[in-house]
Amino acid sequence: MLVVFGFFLGIAGTIFAVGIPFANNWYEPARRGFATGVFGMGMVGTALSAFFTPRLVNSFGLLTTHILIALALAATAALCIAVMRDSPAFTANTDPVAPKLKAAARLGVTWEMSLLYAIVFGGFVAFSNYLPTYIKTIYGFSPVDAGARTAGFALAAVLARPVGGALSDRIPPKYVVLTSFAGTAVTAFVAVFQPPPDVWSAATFIALAVFLGIGTGGVFAWVARRSPAQSVGSVTGIVAAAGGLGGYFPPLVMGATYNADQNHYTVGLLLLVATAVIAFVYVAVKLHAHEPRQKAPT
């Protein structure tokens, strides 16, 4: 049942593939980084869920909470139908879906950006899901208190995302992404030492959230800049899927490497540090700050 429902939630999750070209069509190139960053602030739903879901379950029970969430989703869909309009610059692409995805898969930018987004957005998703468990285990907070602190983490990442997009309008996205990976490596390494609650632990994880959020905004601004205009939707769909997949593995790793005897997640956090460092080196050496938009395969 979870797999079936996850499939339908995944369909809704492709809003990233819809929203990036939608926003691109409404704005000139110099403002698209900020525009896609604001669009990406929809990640705030993770913060809202972390904050409200435990409280709703405690107050109304699991079934009623699911019904309330379903009603909120239906209301959002109705609002979109009522008020959203395509840009006058939008031109429908009626080509079959499979060839478009195949063409996007043949672009180097697709896999380069997928790798980067799997780390930054995957890290955000992973911590947003696993941080309540981490906080309860390491610091002994209740589920409600852990949810509130996780909401702060998610909100910080959400607010940082348009900052990353706006910075990418002013400087090459490469440097925004490099800053994200460097900051992620440093803050994850600090987390290894289990800074005491609440000030130092909060500062550590909020800083981590900010660096991950800046990275998500920078990567998607980079995608929009480098992808062929007619392939932006297909490329962003693959990149967004890579981000979701990137969030799948870290909670498994954190759980598998948890040291119950000494109550720490050192191995899992050091693996995040290593991943961020490797990604930093890859971006610094392999990718160029100024790259022309790639041409669609023929």
Protein backbone atom coordinates (compact mmCIF):
# COMPACT_ATOMS: atom_id res chain seq x y z
CA MET A 1 0.00 0.00 0.00
CA LEU A 2 2.84 2.38 0.83
CA VAL A 3 4.46 1.64 -2.53
CA VAL A 4 1.19 2.33 -4.39
CA PHE A 5 0.60 5.59 -2.54
CA GLY A 6 4.25 6.53 -2.99
CA PHE A 7 3.80 6.13 -6.75
CA PHE A 8 0.94 8.64 -6.79
CA LEU A 9 2.82 11.02 -4.50
CA GLY A 10 5.72 10.73 -6.95
CA ILE A 11 3.45 11.91 -9.75
CA ALA A 12 2.66 14.99 -7.69
CA GLY A 13 6.38 15.33 -7.02
CA THR A 14 7.02 15.90 -10.72
CA ILE A 15 5.79 19.44 -10.10
CA PHE A 16 9.50 20.32 -10.23
CA ALA A 17 9.61 19.22 -13.85
CA VAL A 18 6.52 21.34 -14.54
CA GLY A 19 7.37 24.37 -12.45
CA ILE A 20 10.91 25.11 -13.63
CA PRO A 21 10.02 25.64 -17.32
CA PHE A 22 6.76 27.32 -16.21
CA ALA A 23 8.76 29.90 -14.22
CA ASN A 24 11.39 30.22 -16.95
CA ASN A 25 8.74 31.24 -19.47
CA TRP A 26 7.50 34.08 -17.28
CA TYR A 27 10.89 35.70 -16.58
CA GLU A 28 13.83 36.99 -18.56
CA PRO A 29 17.08 35.02 -18.18
CA ALA A 30 18.61 37.50 -15.71
CA ARG A 31 15.85 36.78 -13.16
CA ARG A 32 15.27 33.07 -13.66
CA GLY A 33 17.60 31.96 -10.89
CA PHE A 34 15.65 33.94 -8.31
CA ALA A 35 12.31 32.91 -9.83
CA THR A 36 13.10 29.21 -9.72
CA GLY A 37 14.45 29.67 -6.19
CA VAL A 38 11.17 31.19 -5.05
CA PHE A 39 9.33 28.34 -6.76
CA GLY A 40 11.56 25.92 -4.87
CA MET A 41 10.43 27.47 -1.59
CA GLY A 42 7.54 25.03 -1.90
CA MET A 43 9.90 22.82 0.11
CA VAL A 44 8.40 24.68 3.08
CA GLY A 45 5.76 21.95 3.00
CA THR A 46 8.36 19.71 4.61
CA ALA A 47 8.77 22.19 7.47
CA LEU A 48 5.02 22.51 7.90
CA SER A 49 4.63 18.75 7.90
CA ALA A 50 7.38 18.27 10.49
CA PHE A 51 5.81 20.90 12.74
CA PHE A 52 2.08 20.15 12.40
CA THR A 53 1.81 16.42 11.67
CA PRO A 54 2.85 15.16 15.15
CA ARG A 55 0.52 17.69 16.75
CA LEU A 56 -2.41 16.76 14.49
CA VAL A 57 -1.88 13.06 15.15
CA ASN A 58 -1.79 13.68 18.91
CA SER A 59 -4.97 15.77 18.73
CA PHE A 60 -7.10 14.00 16.10
CA GLY A 61 -5.54 10.61 15.37
CA LEU A 62 -3.82 9.20 12.30
CA LEU A 63 -6.85 8.75 10.02
CA THR A 64 -8.22 12.26 10.56
CA THR A 65 -4.76 13.72 9.97
CA HIS A 66 -4.54 11.95 6.60
CA ILE A 67 -8.00 13.23 5.65
CA LEU A 68 -7.00 16.82 6.53
CA ILE A 69 -3.87 16.52 4.39
CA ALA A 70 -5.91 15.11 1.49
CA LEU A 71 -8.32 18.06 1.74
CA ALA A 72 -5.40 20.49 1.72
CA LEU A 73 -4.02 18.85 -1.43
CA ALA A 74 -7.43 19.01 -3.13
CA ALA A 75 -7.80 22.69 -2.22
CA THR A 76 -4.34 23.42 -3.64
CA ALA A 77 -5.21 21.67 -6.90
CA ALA A 78 -8.42 23.68 -7.21
CA LEU A 79 -6.55 26.92 -6.55
CA CYS A 80 -3.99 26.10 -9.26
CA ILE A 81 -6.74 25.38 -11.79
CA ALA A 82 -8.46 28.65 -10.92
CA VAL A 83 -5.56 31.11 -10.95
CA MET A 84 -2.53 29.68 -12.81
CA ARG A 85 -1.96 30.65 -16.44
CA ASP A 86 0.79 29.81 -18.90
CA SER A 87 3.11 32.58 -20.01
CA PRO A 88 2.33 34.21 -23.37
CA ALA A 89 5.80 32.99 -24.39
CA PHE A 90 4.83 29.37 -23.77
CA THR A 91 4.72 27.11 -26.82
CA ALA A 92 3.34 23.63 -26.36
CA ASN A 93 5.67 20.79 -27.25
CA THR A 94 3.56 17.96 -28.63
CA ASP A 95 6.43 15.55 -29.25
CA PRO A 96 6.04 12.08 -27.69
CA VAL A 97 7.31 11.83 -24.11
CA ALA A 98 9.67 8.86 -24.51
CA PRO A 99 11.86 10.44 -27.24
CA LYS A 100 12.11 13.66 -25.22
CA LEU A 101 13.30 11.79 -22.15
CA LYS A 102 15.71 9.79 -24.28
CA ALA A 103 17.12 13.00 -25.78
CA ALA A 104 17.47 14.53 -22.30
CA ALA A 105 19.25 11.41 -21.08
CA ARG A 106 21.83 11.83 -23.87
CA LEU A 107 22.83 15.28 -22.60
CA GLY A 108 25.86 15.49 -20.34
CA VAL A 109 24.28 18.35 -18.38
CA THR A 110 21.45 16.04 -17.29
CA TRP A 111 23.74 13.65 -15.45
CA GLU A 112 26.10 16.31 -14.14
CA MET A 113 23.24 18.26 -12.58
CA SER A 114 21.55 15.05 -11.40
CA LEU A 115 24.67 14.15 -9.45
CA LEU A 116 24.87 17.56 -7.80
CA TYR A 117 21.16 17.74 -7.05
CA ALA A 118 21.12 14.23 -5.62
CA ILE A 119 23.57 15.48 -2.99
CA VAL A 120 22.12 18.88 -2.08
CA PHE A 121 18.39 18.14 -2.38
CA GLY A 122 18.89 14.54 -1.33
CA GLY A 123 20.67 15.80 1.78
CA PHE A 124 17.80 18.14 2.53
CA VAL A 125 15.19 15.42 2.07
CA ALA A 126 17.21 12.93 4.11
CA PHE A 127 17.69 15.25 7.07
CA SER A 128 14.11 16.49 6.93
CA ASN A 129 12.96 12.89 7.28
CA TYR A 130 15.62 11.51 9.61
CA LEU A 131 16.35 14.53 11.81
CA PRO A 132 13.41 13.80 14.17
CA THR A 133 14.87 10.36 14.82
CA TYR A 134 18.36 11.82 15.18
CA ILE A 135 17.20 14.48 17.65
CA LYS A 136 15.17 12.02 19.72
CA THR A 137 18.07 9.55 19.82
CA ILE A 138 20.98 11.92 20.50
CA TYR A 139 19.29 14.61 22.58
CA GLY A 140 16.31 12.79 24.09
CA PHE A 141 13.60 15.21 22.93
CA SER A 142 9.96 14.17 22.57
CA PRO A 143 8.50 13.56 19.07
CA VAL A 144 6.71 16.93 19.16
CA ASP A 145 9.84 18.83 20.22
CA ALA A 146 11.93 16.96 17.64
CA GLY A 147 9.37 17.83 14.96
CA ALA A 148 9.50 21.51 15.88
CA ARG A 149 13.29 21.56 15.60
CA THR A 150 13.16 19.71 12.29
CA ALA A 151 10.70 22.31 11.04
CA GLY A 152 13.31 24.97 11.82
CA PHE A 153 15.87 23.05 9.77
CA ALA A 154 13.50 22.72 6.81
CA LEU A 155 12.43 26.37 7.00
CA ALA A 156 16.06 27.53 6.94
CA ALA A 157 16.71 25.45 3.81
CA VAL A 158 13.54 26.78 2.18
CA LEU A 159 14.46 30.42 2.82
CA ALA A 160 18.01 29.81 1.57
CA ARG A 161 16.88 28.33 -1.74
CA PRO A 162 15.85 31.63 -3.43
CA VAL A 163 19.05 33.16 -2.05
CA GLY A 164 21.00 30.53 -3.97
CA GLY A 165 18.94 31.27 -7.08
CA ALA A 166 19.37 35.03 -6.75
CA LEU A 167 23.13 34.68 -6.25
CA SER A 168 23.24 32.53 -9.39
CA ASP A 169 21.71 35.45 -11.33
CA ARG A 170 24.64 37.62 -10.27
CA ILE A 171 27.59 35.25 -10.21
CA PRO A 172 28.22 31.95 -12.03
CA PRO A 173 26.20 29.15 -10.37
CA LYS A 174 29.39 27.13 -10.11
CA TYR A 175 30.61 29.29 -7.24
CA VAL A 176 27.25 29.09 -5.46
CA VAL A 177 27.34 25.30 -5.67
CA LEU A 178 30.96 25.19 -4.50
CA THR A 179 30.03 27.29 -1.47
CA SER A 180 27.18 24.89 -0.75
CA PHE A 181 29.40 21.80 -0.80
CA ALA A 182 32.14 23.45 1.26
CA GLY A 183 29.68 24.61 3.91
CA THR A 184 27.94 21.22 3.97
CA ALA A 185 31.24 19.43 4.57
CA VAL A 186 32.23 21.78 7.41
CA THR A 187 28.88 21.73 9.23
CA ALA A 188 28.48 17.95 8.88
CA PHE A 189 31.96 17.54 10.38
CA VAL A 190 30.99 19.80 13.30
CA ALA A 191 27.87 17.67 13.84
CA VAL A 192 30.11 14.63 14.39
CA PHE A 193 31.06 16.09 17.77
CA GLN A 194 27.41 16.31 18.90
CA PRO A 195 27.27 20.01 19.84
CA PRO A 196 25.13 20.51 22.96
CA PRO A 197 21.48 21.58 22.70
CA ASP A 198 19.89 23.90 22.00
CA VAL A 199 21.97 26.83 20.82
CA TRP A 200 25.01 25.02 19.40
CA SER A 201 23.17 22.08 17.91
CA ALA A 202 20.57 24.41 16.39
CA ALA A 203 23.28 26.65 14.94
CA THR A 204 25.04 23.64 13.42
CA PHE A 205 22.00 22.10 11.75
CA ILE A 206 20.49 25.42 10.64
CA ALA A 207 23.82 26.31 9.02
CA LEU A 208 23.80 22.90 7.32
CA ALA A 209 20.25 23.59 6.10
CA VAL A 210 21.27 26.99 4.73
CA PHE A 211 24.16 25.53 2.74
CA LEU A 212 21.98 22.73 1.36
CA GLY A 213 19.24 25.24 0.47
CA ILE A 214 21.67 27.55 -1.31
CA GLY A 215 22.90 24.54 -3.24
CA THR A 216 19.44 23.50 -4.41
CA GLY A 217 18.78 27.00 -5.72
CA GLY A 218 22.17 27.16 -7.41
CA VAL A 219 21.87 23.77 -9.10
CA PHE A 220 18.44 24.47 -10.59
CA ALA A 221 19.53 27.89 -11.79
CA TRP A 222 22.44 26.11 -13.46
CA VAL A 223 20.09 23.57 -15.04
CA ALA A 224 17.93 26.30 -16.55
CA ARG A 225 21.00 28.10 -17.87
CA ARG A 226 22.72 25.12 -19.48
CA SER A 227 19.86 22.96 -20.77
CA PRO A 228 18.49 23.34 -24.32
CA ALA A 229 15.39 25.53 -24.18
CA GLN A 230 13.16 22.80 -25.64
CA SER A 231 14.51 20.22 -23.17
CA VAL A 232 14.34 22.13 -19.88
CA GLY A 233 11.25 20.25 -18.70
CA SER A 234 12.67 16.82 -19.51
CA VAL A 235 16.05 17.60 -17.99
CA THR A 236 14.57 19.04 -14.81
CA GLY A 237 12.31 16.02 -14.50
CA ILE A 238 15.30 13.69 -14.48
CA VAL A 239 17.27 16.00 -12.18
CA ALA A 240 14.35 16.26 -9.74
CA ALA A 241 14.00 12.48 -9.71
CA ALA A 242 17.71 12.20 -8.92
CA GLY A 243 17.19 14.56 -5.99
CA GLY A 244 14.41 12.38 -4.61
CA LEU A 245 16.54 9.27 -5.10
CA GLY A 246 19.42 11.01 -3.35
CA GLY A 247 17.24 11.43 -0.28
CA TYR A 248 16.43 7.73 -0.16
CA PHE A 249 19.83 6.34 0.83
CA PRO A 250 21.18 8.58 3.65
CA PRO A 251 18.52 7.57 6.24
CA LEU A 252 19.32 3.92 5.50
CA VAL A 253 23.02 4.64 5.93
CA MET A 254 22.46 6.61 9.13
CA GLY A 255 20.38 3.81 10.61
CA ALA A 256 22.79 1.09 9.52
CA THR A 257 25.88 2.89 10.87
CA TYR A 258 24.38 4.08 14.16
CA ASN A 259 26.53 3.05 17.13
CA ALA A 260 24.04 2.10 19.84
CA ASP A 261 26.73 1.42 22.47
CA GLN A 262 28.20 4.91 22.28
CA ASN A 263 25.06 6.65 20.95
CA HIS A 264 26.49 8.41 17.91
CA TYR A 265 26.14 8.66 14.10
CA THR A 266 29.80 9.39 13.42
CA VAL A 267 30.22 7.07 10.44
CA GLY A 268 27.11 8.35 8.64
CA LEU A 269 28.06 12.00 9.16
CA LEU A 270 31.65 11.41 8.02
CA LEU A 271 30.30 9.76 4.87
CA LEU A 272 28.33 12.97 4.21
CA VAL A 273 31.52 14.99 4.72
CA ALA A 274 33.37 12.78 2.25
CA THR A 275 30.55 13.02 -0.30
CA ALA A 276 30.47 16.82 -0.08
CA VAL A 277 34.26 17.05 -0.44
CA ILE A 278 34.28 14.76 -3.49
CA ALA A 279 31.45 16.78 -5.07
CA PHE A 280 33.35 20.01 -4.33
CA VAL A 281 36.45 18.72 -6.10
CA TYR A 282 34.38 17.44 -9.04
CA VAL A 283 32.67 20.81 -9.57
CA ALA A 284 35.91 22.75 -9.10
CA VAL A 285 37.89 20.65 -11.57
CA LYS A 286 35.38 19.24 -14.06
CA LEU A 287 32.76 21.97 -14.58
CA HIS A 288 33.33 25.44 -16.00
CA ALA A 289 31.94 28.68 -14.61
CA HIS A 290 30.85 29.91 -18.04
CA GLU A 291 29.40 27.21 -20.28
CA PRO A 292 27.19 27.73 -23.32
CA ARG A 293 23.70 26.28 -23.31
CA GLN A 294 23.94 22.72 -24.62
CA LYS A 295 22.28 21.79 -27.89
CA ALA A 296 19.62 19.14 -28.01
CA PRO A 297 20.76 15.85 -29.60
CA THR A 298 19.64 15.33 -33.17
